[in-house]
Protein backbone atom coordinates (compact mmCIF):
# COMPACT_ATOMS: atom_id res chain seq x y z
CA MET A 1 60.38 -16.91 39.97
CA LYS A 2 61.01 -19.99 37.89
CA MET A 3 57.44 -21.24 38.58
CA PHE A 4 55.92 -18.01 37.23
CA GLU A 5 58.00 -18.30 34.05
CA LEU A 6 56.86 -21.90 33.61
CA ILE A 7 53.18 -20.90 34.00
CA LYS A 8 53.64 -17.96 31.64
CA ASN A 9 55.27 -20.17 28.99
CA PHE A 10 52.55 -22.79 29.41
CA SER A 11 49.76 -20.25 28.95
CA ASN A 12 51.42 -18.77 25.86
CA ASP A 13 52.09 -22.17 24.24
CA GLN A 14 49.64 -22.77 21.37
CA SER A 15 50.95 -26.10 20.10
CA GLY A 16 47.89 -28.07 21.28
CA ALA A 17 45.29 -25.57 20.10
CA VAL A 18 44.98 -27.13 16.65
CA THR A 19 44.45 -30.56 18.20
CA VAL A 20 41.68 -29.20 20.41
CA ASP A 21 40.05 -27.58 17.37
CA TRP A 22 40.08 -30.88 15.46
CA VAL A 23 38.68 -32.79 18.44
CA VAL A 24 35.82 -30.30 18.79
CA LEU A 25 35.14 -30.39 15.04
CA THR A 26 35.15 -34.20 15.00
CA ALA A 27 32.80 -34.34 17.98
CA ALA A 28 30.41 -31.95 16.23
CA ILE A 29 30.41 -34.08 13.07
CA VAL A 30 29.78 -37.28 15.05
CA GLY A 31 26.95 -35.56 16.93
CA LEU A 32 25.42 -34.39 13.68
CA GLY A 33 25.64 -37.90 12.26
CA ILE A 34 23.86 -39.35 15.29
CA ALA A 35 21.13 -36.71 15.00
CA VAL A 36 20.60 -37.53 11.31
CA ILE A 37 20.38 -41.25 12.04
CA ALA A 38 17.83 -40.60 14.79
CA ALA A 39 15.74 -38.41 12.49
CA VAL A 40 15.81 -40.76 9.49
CA SER A 41 15.53 -44.16 11.18
CA GLY A 42 11.76 -43.96 11.76
CA GLY A 43 11.01 -43.21 8.12
CA VAL A 44 13.33 -45.92 6.87
CA ARG A 45 11.78 -48.44 9.24
CA GLY A 46 8.29 -47.52 7.99
CA LEU A 47 9.37 -47.73 4.37
CA GLY A 48 10.91 -51.15 4.99
CA SER A 49 7.68 -52.39 6.56
CA GLY A 50 5.69 -51.13 3.57
CA ILE A 51 7.99 -52.90 1.14
CA GLN A 52 7.80 -56.10 3.17
CA THR A 53 4.00 -55.99 3.16
CA SER A 54 3.92 -55.44 -0.61
CA LEU A 55 6.32 -58.28 -1.28
CA ASN A 56 4.47 -60.67 1.03
CA SER A 57 1.16 -60.01 -0.72
CA ALA A 58 2.61 -60.27 -4.24
CA THR A 59 1.86 -63.30 -6.40
CA VAL A 60 3.77 -64.83 -9.27
CA VAL A 61 1.83 -65.21 -12.52
CA THR A 62 2.34 -68.27 -14.71
CA LEU A 63 3.13 -67.21 -18.25
CA GLY A 64 2.78 -70.61 -19.91
CA THR A 65 5.09 -71.86 -22.61
CA LEU A 66 7.62 -69.42 -23.97
CA GLY A 67 6.95 -68.44 -27.57
CA ASP A 68 3.28 -69.51 -27.41
CA ASP A 69 1.09 -66.61 -28.63
CA GLY A 70 -2.12 -68.26 -27.45
CA ASN A 71 -3.48 -69.29 -30.91
């Protein structure tokens, strides 16, 4: 009889339910973050390559002497 009371008390105990809820919520947020990173990483990589190409092909122009108006 004591075993049945222990099982009944265990099944009615809700003290860990909040912890389980937070664990599930945290796992969902981490999963969403990983999905966002996977979706965005290709575009960011392409953008970085475009910026690198632009910077590599850029040239620096010589301005001459400061304050010289060319006359």
